[in-house]
N, C-alpha and C. Protein backbone atom coordinates (compact mmCIF):
# COMPACT_ATOMS: atom_id res chain seq x y z
N MET A 1 125.73 -38.14 130.93
CA MET A 1 127.14 -37.93 131.28
C MET A 1 127.87 -37.31 130.10
N ASN A 2 128.85 -36.50 130.38
CA ASN A 2 129.65 -35.85 129.35
C ASN A 2 130.46 -36.88 128.56
N THR A 3 130.85 -36.50 127.34
CA THR A 3 131.72 -37.37 126.56
C THR A 3 133.09 -37.40 127.24
N TYR A 4 133.89 -38.37 126.84
CA TYR A 4 135.22 -38.50 127.44
C TYR A 4 136.03 -37.22 127.21
N GLU A 5 135.93 -36.65 125.99
CA GLU A 5 136.66 -35.42 125.68
C GLU A 5 136.20 -34.27 126.57
N GLU A 6 134.89 -34.20 126.83
CA GLU A 6 134.38 -33.15 127.71
C GLU A 6 134.88 -33.34 129.13
N ARG A 7 134.95 -34.58 129.58
CA ARG A 7 135.47 -34.84 130.93
C ARG A 7 136.94 -34.46 131.03
N LEU A 8 137.70 -34.74 129.96
CA LEU A 8 139.11 -34.32 129.94
C LEU A 8 139.20 -32.79 129.94
N GLY A 9 138.26 -32.14 129.26
CA GLY A 9 138.22 -30.67 129.24
C GLY A 9 137.97 -30.10 130.63
N ILE A 10 137.07 -30.74 131.37
CA ILE A 10 136.80 -30.32 132.75
C ILE A 10 138.07 -30.40 133.58
N LEU A 11 138.78 -31.52 133.45
CA LEU A 11 140.03 -31.69 134.20
C LEU A 11 141.09 -30.69 133.73
N SER A 12 141.14 -30.44 132.42
CA SER A 12 142.13 -29.49 131.89
C SER A 12 141.93 -28.10 132.48
N GLU A 13 140.66 -27.70 132.59
CA GLU A 13 140.40 -26.38 133.18
C GLU A 13 140.79 -26.34 134.65
N LEU A 14 140.51 -27.41 135.37
CA LEU A 14 140.91 -27.48 136.77
C LEU A 14 142.43 -27.41 136.91
N ILE A 15 143.13 -28.13 136.03
CA ILE A 15 144.60 -28.13 136.05
C ILE A 15 145.12 -26.72 135.75
N HIS A 16 144.54 -26.11 134.74
CA HIS A 16 144.95 -24.75 134.37
C HIS A 16 144.78 -23.80 135.55
N PHE A 17 143.67 -23.93 136.25
CA PHE A 17 143.41 -23.08 137.41
C PHE A 17 144.38 -23.40 138.55
N ALA A 18 144.65 -24.68 138.76
CA ALA A 18 145.56 -25.08 139.85
C ALA A 18 146.96 -24.50 139.63
N ARG A 19 147.31 -24.26 138.39
CA ARG A 19 148.65 -23.74 138.07
C ARG A 19 148.74 -22.22 138.19
N VAL A 20 147.68 -21.55 138.62
CA VAL A 20 147.70 -20.09 138.68
C VAL A 20 148.81 -19.59 139.59
N ASP A 21 149.17 -20.36 140.61
CA ASP A 21 150.28 -19.97 141.48
C ASP A 21 151.56 -20.73 141.12
N TYR A 22 151.62 -21.26 139.90
CA TYR A 22 152.81 -21.86 139.28
C TYR A 22 153.23 -23.21 139.85
N LYS A 23 152.41 -23.79 140.71
CA LYS A 23 152.74 -25.12 141.22
C LYS A 23 151.43 -25.82 141.62
N ILE A 24 151.47 -27.12 141.58
CA ILE A 24 150.33 -27.90 142.03
C ILE A 24 150.74 -28.61 143.31
N LYS A 25 150.07 -28.23 144.39
CA LYS A 25 150.37 -28.83 145.69
C LYS A 25 149.78 -30.23 145.76
N GLU A 26 150.28 -31.00 146.71
CA GLU A 26 149.80 -32.37 146.88
C GLU A 26 148.29 -32.41 147.13
N SER A 27 147.79 -31.49 147.95
CA SER A 27 146.35 -31.46 148.23
C SER A 27 145.56 -31.15 146.96
N GLU A 28 146.11 -30.30 146.10
CA GLU A 28 145.43 -29.98 144.84
C GLU A 28 145.45 -31.18 143.91
N TYR A 29 146.60 -31.87 143.85
CA TYR A 29 146.68 -33.08 143.02
C TYR A 29 145.68 -34.13 143.51
N ASP A 30 145.60 -34.32 144.81
CA ASP A 30 144.65 -35.29 145.37
C ASP A 30 143.22 -34.93 144.99
N PHE A 31 142.90 -33.63 145.02
CA PHE A 31 141.58 -33.18 144.62
C PHE A 31 141.35 -33.48 143.14
N LEU A 32 142.33 -33.16 142.30
CA LEU A 32 142.21 -33.44 140.86
C LEU A 32 142.00 -34.93 140.61
N LEU A 33 142.72 -35.75 141.36
CA LEU A 33 142.59 -37.19 141.21
C LEU A 33 141.19 -37.66 141.63
N SER A 34 140.65 -37.08 142.69
CA SER A 34 139.30 -37.48 143.12
C SER A 34 138.26 -37.05 142.08
N VAL A 35 138.43 -35.88 141.47
CA VAL A 35 137.51 -35.46 140.41
C VAL A 35 137.66 -36.38 139.21
N ALA A 36 138.90 -36.72 138.86
CA ALA A 36 139.13 -37.65 137.74
C ALA A 36 138.42 -38.97 138.00
N ASN A 37 138.52 -39.47 139.21
CA ASN A 37 137.84 -40.73 139.55
C ASN A 37 136.33 -40.60 139.41
N LEU A 38 135.77 -39.48 139.87
CA LEU A 38 134.33 -39.25 139.73
C LEU A 38 133.90 -39.18 138.27
N LEU A 39 134.79 -38.68 137.43
CA LEU A 39 134.50 -38.55 136.00
C LEU A 39 134.89 -39.80 135.20
N ASN A 40 135.33 -40.84 135.90
CA ASN A 40 135.78 -42.09 135.26
C ASN A 40 136.94 -41.86 134.30
N VAL A 41 137.90 -41.05 134.74
CA VAL A 41 139.12 -40.80 133.99
C VAL A 41 140.26 -41.43 134.77
N LYS A 42 141.07 -42.22 134.08
CA LYS A 42 142.17 -42.93 134.74
C LYS A 42 143.26 -41.96 135.21
N LYS A 43 143.96 -42.39 136.25
CA LYS A 43 145.07 -41.61 136.80
C LYS A 43 146.11 -41.32 135.72
N SER A 44 146.38 -42.28 134.87
CA SER A 44 147.37 -42.09 133.80
C SER A 44 146.93 -40.99 132.83
N SER A 45 145.63 -40.88 132.57
CA SER A 45 145.13 -39.82 131.71
C SER A 45 145.27 -38.46 132.39
N LEU A 46 144.97 -38.41 133.69
CA LEU A 46 145.15 -37.18 134.45
C LEU A 46 146.62 -36.76 134.42
N ASP A 47 147.51 -37.71 134.67
CA ASP A 47 148.93 -37.40 134.66
C ASP A 47 149.39 -36.91 133.28
N GLY A 48 148.79 -37.47 132.23
CA GLY A 48 149.09 -37.01 130.87
C GLY A 48 148.65 -35.58 130.66
N LEU A 49 147.48 -35.24 131.19
CA LEU A 49 147.00 -33.86 131.08
C LEU A 49 147.91 -32.89 131.82
N LEU A 50 148.46 -33.36 132.94
CA LEU A 50 149.35 -32.50 133.72
C LEU A 50 150.64 -32.20 132.97
N LYS A 51 151.01 -33.07 132.05
CA LYS A 51 152.26 -32.90 131.31
C LYS A 51 152.12 -32.04 130.07
N LYS A 52 150.89 -31.85 129.60
CA LYS A 52 150.73 -31.08 128.36
C LYS A 52 149.79 -29.91 128.57
N GLN A 53 149.85 -28.98 127.66
CA GLN A 53 148.97 -27.81 127.68
C GLN A 53 147.75 -28.15 126.83
N SER A 54 146.58 -28.10 127.42
CA SER A 54 145.36 -28.43 126.71
C SER A 54 144.48 -27.20 126.57
N SER A 55 143.65 -27.23 125.54
CA SER A 55 142.71 -26.14 125.38
C SER A 55 141.53 -26.34 126.34
N VAL A 56 140.91 -25.25 126.71
CA VAL A 56 139.80 -25.28 127.66
C VAL A 56 138.55 -24.86 126.92
N LYS A 57 137.47 -25.62 127.10
CA LYS A 57 136.19 -25.30 126.46
C LYS A 57 135.20 -24.83 127.52
N VAL A 58 134.32 -23.93 127.10
CA VAL A 58 133.27 -23.44 127.99
C VAL A 58 132.19 -24.51 128.08
N PRO A 59 131.78 -24.88 129.30
CA PRO A 59 130.65 -25.80 129.43
C PRO A 59 129.42 -25.20 128.72
N THR A 60 128.55 -26.07 128.22
CA THR A 60 127.45 -25.58 127.39
C THR A 60 126.21 -25.17 128.18
N THR A 61 125.81 -25.94 129.17
CA THR A 61 124.58 -25.60 129.89
C THR A 61 124.91 -24.78 131.14
N GLN A 62 123.91 -24.06 131.62
CA GLN A 62 124.07 -23.26 132.82
C GLN A 62 124.47 -24.13 134.01
N LEU A 63 123.83 -25.30 134.13
CA LEU A 63 124.14 -26.19 135.24
C LEU A 63 125.59 -26.69 135.16
N GLU A 64 126.06 -27.03 133.97
CA GLU A 64 127.45 -27.47 133.81
C GLU A 64 128.42 -26.34 134.19
N LYS A 65 128.07 -25.11 133.82
CA LYS A 65 128.92 -23.96 134.16
C LYS A 65 128.99 -23.78 135.67
N ILE A 66 127.83 -23.90 136.34
CA ILE A 66 127.80 -23.74 137.79
C ILE A 66 128.57 -24.87 138.46
N MET A 67 128.41 -26.10 137.95
CA MET A 67 129.14 -27.24 138.53
C MET A 67 130.65 -27.05 138.38
N GLN A 68 131.08 -26.57 137.20
CA GLN A 68 132.51 -26.36 137.00
C GLN A 68 133.02 -25.22 137.88
N PHE A 69 132.25 -24.17 138.04
CA PHE A 69 132.63 -23.08 138.94
C PHE A 69 132.77 -23.61 140.37
N HIS A 70 131.85 -24.48 140.78
CA HIS A 70 131.91 -25.06 142.12
C HIS A 70 133.17 -25.91 142.28
N ARG A 71 133.49 -26.72 141.27
CA ARG A 71 134.73 -27.52 141.32
C ARG A 71 135.95 -26.61 141.48
N LEU A 72 135.97 -25.53 140.71
CA LEU A 72 137.10 -24.59 140.79
C LEU A 72 137.18 -23.94 142.17
N LEU A 73 136.03 -23.61 142.72
CA LEU A 73 135.98 -23.04 144.07
C LEU A 73 136.53 -24.03 145.10
N LEU A 74 136.13 -25.29 144.98
CA LEU A 74 136.64 -26.33 145.89
C LEU A 74 138.15 -26.50 145.73
N LEU A 75 138.61 -26.49 144.48
CA LEU A 75 140.05 -26.63 144.22
C LEU A 75 140.82 -25.46 144.83
N MET A 76 140.30 -24.26 144.70
CA MET A 76 140.98 -23.09 145.26
C MET A 76 141.13 -23.22 146.77
N ASN A 77 140.13 -23.80 147.41
CA ASN A 77 140.13 -23.85 148.87
C ASN A 77 140.70 -25.14 149.45
N VAL A 78 141.06 -26.09 148.61
CA VAL A 78 141.51 -27.39 149.12
C VAL A 78 142.80 -27.27 149.94
N ASP A 79 143.63 -26.29 149.62
CA ASP A 79 144.88 -26.12 150.37
C ASP A 79 144.74 -25.13 151.52
N GLN A 80 143.51 -24.70 151.80
CA GLN A 80 143.21 -23.77 152.90
C GLN A 80 143.85 -22.39 152.71
N GLU A 81 144.23 -22.08 151.46
CA GLU A 81 144.80 -20.77 151.15
C GLU A 81 144.06 -20.19 149.96
N GLN A 82 143.77 -18.91 150.04
CA GLN A 82 143.17 -18.21 148.92
C GLN A 82 144.05 -17.00 148.62
N HIS A 83 144.71 -17.05 147.49
CA HIS A 83 145.54 -15.94 147.09
C HIS A 83 144.72 -15.01 146.21
N LYS A 84 145.04 -13.74 146.26
CA LYS A 84 144.32 -12.75 145.46
C LYS A 84 144.29 -13.15 143.99
N LYS A 85 145.40 -13.66 143.51
CA LYS A 85 145.50 -14.07 142.11
C LYS A 85 144.52 -15.21 141.80
N GLU A 86 144.37 -16.15 142.73
CA GLU A 86 143.43 -17.25 142.54
C GLU A 86 141.99 -16.75 142.51
N ILE A 87 141.66 -15.85 143.42
CA ILE A 87 140.30 -15.32 143.49
C ILE A 87 139.98 -14.53 142.22
N GLU A 88 140.92 -13.73 141.77
CA GLU A 88 140.72 -12.96 140.53
C GLU A 88 140.56 -13.90 139.34
N ARG A 89 141.38 -14.92 139.30
CA ARG A 89 141.32 -15.89 138.18
C ARG A 89 139.98 -16.63 138.20
N LEU A 90 139.53 -17.05 139.37
CA LEU A 90 138.25 -17.74 139.47
C LEU A 90 137.11 -16.81 139.04
N HIS A 91 137.16 -15.57 139.46
CA HIS A 91 136.14 -14.59 139.06
C HIS A 91 136.13 -14.45 137.54
N ASN A 92 137.31 -14.32 136.94
CA ASN A 92 137.41 -14.15 135.49
C ASN A 92 136.94 -15.40 134.74
N ILE A 93 137.23 -16.58 135.27
CA ILE A 93 136.75 -17.81 134.63
C ILE A 93 135.23 -17.84 134.66
N GLY A 94 134.65 -17.48 135.80
CA GLY A 94 133.20 -17.42 135.90
C GLY A 94 132.61 -16.48 134.86
N LEU A 95 133.22 -15.31 134.70
CA LEU A 95 132.76 -14.35 133.68
C LEU A 95 132.91 -14.94 132.29
N TRP A 96 134.04 -15.57 132.03
CA TRP A 96 134.32 -16.17 130.73
C TRP A 96 133.29 -17.25 130.39
N MET A 97 132.84 -17.97 131.41
CA MET A 97 131.82 -19.00 131.18
C MET A 97 130.43 -18.40 131.01
N GLY A 98 130.30 -17.10 131.30
CA GLY A 98 129.01 -16.45 131.13
C GLY A 98 128.14 -16.46 132.37
N LEU A 99 128.75 -16.69 133.52
CA LEU A 99 127.98 -16.66 134.77
C LEU A 99 127.75 -15.21 135.20
N PRO A 100 126.65 -14.95 135.90
CA PRO A 100 126.35 -13.58 136.33
C PRO A 100 127.41 -13.03 137.29
N PRO A 101 127.96 -11.86 136.98
CA PRO A 101 129.01 -11.28 137.83
C PRO A 101 128.60 -11.13 139.29
N SER A 102 127.37 -10.72 139.55
CA SER A 102 126.91 -10.53 140.92
C SER A 102 126.85 -11.86 141.68
N ALA A 103 126.46 -12.92 140.98
CA ALA A 103 126.40 -14.23 141.62
C ALA A 103 127.81 -14.72 141.96
N ILE A 104 128.74 -14.51 141.04
CA ILE A 104 130.13 -14.90 141.28
C ILE A 104 130.65 -14.18 142.53
N SER A 105 130.45 -12.88 142.57
CA SER A 105 130.92 -12.09 143.72
C SER A 105 130.28 -12.55 145.02
N GLN A 106 128.99 -12.85 144.98
CA GLN A 106 128.31 -13.29 146.19
C GLN A 106 128.86 -14.62 146.68
N VAL A 107 129.11 -15.55 145.77
CA VAL A 107 129.67 -16.85 146.16
C VAL A 107 131.05 -16.64 146.80
N LEU A 108 131.86 -15.78 146.20
CA LEU A 108 133.20 -15.54 146.74
C LEU A 108 133.16 -14.86 148.10
N GLU A 109 132.08 -14.16 148.40
CA GLU A 109 131.91 -13.54 149.71
C GLU A 109 131.40 -14.54 150.74
N VAL A 110 130.37 -15.31 150.37
CA VAL A 110 129.74 -16.20 151.36
C VAL A 110 130.59 -17.42 151.68
N MET A 111 131.57 -17.73 150.84
CA MET A 111 132.40 -18.92 151.12
C MET A 111 133.07 -18.82 152.49
N HIS A 112 133.32 -17.60 152.94
CA HIS A 112 133.99 -17.41 154.23
C HIS A 112 133.11 -17.76 155.42
N LYS A 113 131.83 -17.95 155.18
CA LYS A 113 130.90 -18.28 156.26
C LYS A 113 130.82 -19.79 156.53
N TYR A 114 131.48 -20.59 155.69
CA TYR A 114 131.34 -22.05 155.80
C TYR A 114 132.67 -22.69 156.20
N PRO A 115 132.57 -23.80 156.92
CA PRO A 115 133.79 -24.52 157.31
C PRO A 115 134.63 -24.86 156.08
N GLU A 116 135.89 -24.59 156.17
CA GLU A 116 136.86 -24.83 155.09
C GLU A 116 136.46 -24.14 153.80
N LYS A 117 135.58 -23.14 153.92
CA LYS A 117 135.12 -22.32 152.79
C LYS A 117 134.43 -23.14 151.70
N VAL A 118 133.80 -24.24 152.12
CA VAL A 118 133.08 -25.11 151.19
C VAL A 118 131.61 -24.69 151.17
N VAL A 119 131.23 -24.00 150.13
CA VAL A 119 129.84 -23.56 149.99
C VAL A 119 129.00 -24.78 149.61
N PRO A 120 127.98 -25.09 150.40
CA PRO A 120 127.12 -26.23 150.06
C PRO A 120 126.49 -26.04 148.67
N ALA A 121 126.36 -27.14 147.95
CA ALA A 121 125.85 -27.09 146.58
C ALA A 121 124.48 -26.42 146.49
N ASP A 122 123.59 -26.69 147.44
CA ASP A 122 122.26 -26.08 147.37
C ASP A 122 122.31 -24.57 147.55
N ILE A 123 123.21 -24.10 148.41
CA ILE A 123 123.38 -22.64 148.60
C ILE A 123 123.92 -22.02 147.31
N LEU A 124 124.92 -22.66 146.74
CA LEU A 124 125.52 -22.17 145.51
C LEU A 124 124.48 -22.10 144.39
N LEU A 125 123.70 -23.16 144.23
CA LEU A 125 122.66 -23.17 143.20
C LEU A 125 121.63 -22.07 143.42
N ASN A 126 121.23 -21.87 144.67
CA ASN A 126 120.25 -20.82 144.97
C ASN A 126 120.79 -19.43 144.65
N ILE A 127 122.07 -19.22 144.89
CA ILE A 127 122.67 -17.92 144.56
C ILE A 127 122.60 -17.70 143.04
N PHE A 128 122.97 -18.71 142.27
CA PHE A 128 122.95 -18.54 140.82
C PHE A 128 121.53 -18.46 140.28
N LYS A 129 120.60 -19.18 140.90
CA LYS A 129 119.19 -19.10 140.47
C LYS A 129 118.65 -17.69 140.66
N ALA A 130 119.06 -17.03 141.73
CA ALA A 130 118.56 -15.69 142.01
C ALA A 130 118.99 -14.68 140.94
N TYR A 131 120.10 -14.95 140.28
CA TYR A 131 120.62 -14.02 139.27
C TYR A 131 120.38 -14.49 137.85
N HIS A 132 119.79 -15.68 137.69
CA HIS A 132 119.55 -16.22 136.34
C HIS A 132 118.37 -15.50 135.70
N ASN A 133 118.55 -15.14 134.45
CA ASN A 133 117.49 -14.41 133.73
C ASN A 133 116.26 -15.26 133.58
């Protein structure tokens, strides 16, 4: 399991992404809270992160990068809206983390084939495996 600071970093990146449209909707907050619970981070710590600007760190392993990309994808789709700015930001975050550009693009295309645009984890992993050196 990640260190507490790494788990806060994961949440910070999700918060930063959720703010791309300048507001955090209730559905997005609920998603952030559920991720915080999965990461064993208290609601008060999440709320503290929401109040301050935190630095974002790149996950270290390929699997952590893919997991974080998947979380961001889920967060983008939790409100059933995908704005061009959100899609561009998610694509750029994936590039920043060092994920293969073609895999990122493929995931963003295939998400439309699934209910609520939730790409199953095994499909997502297979897409990234196909492009991994």
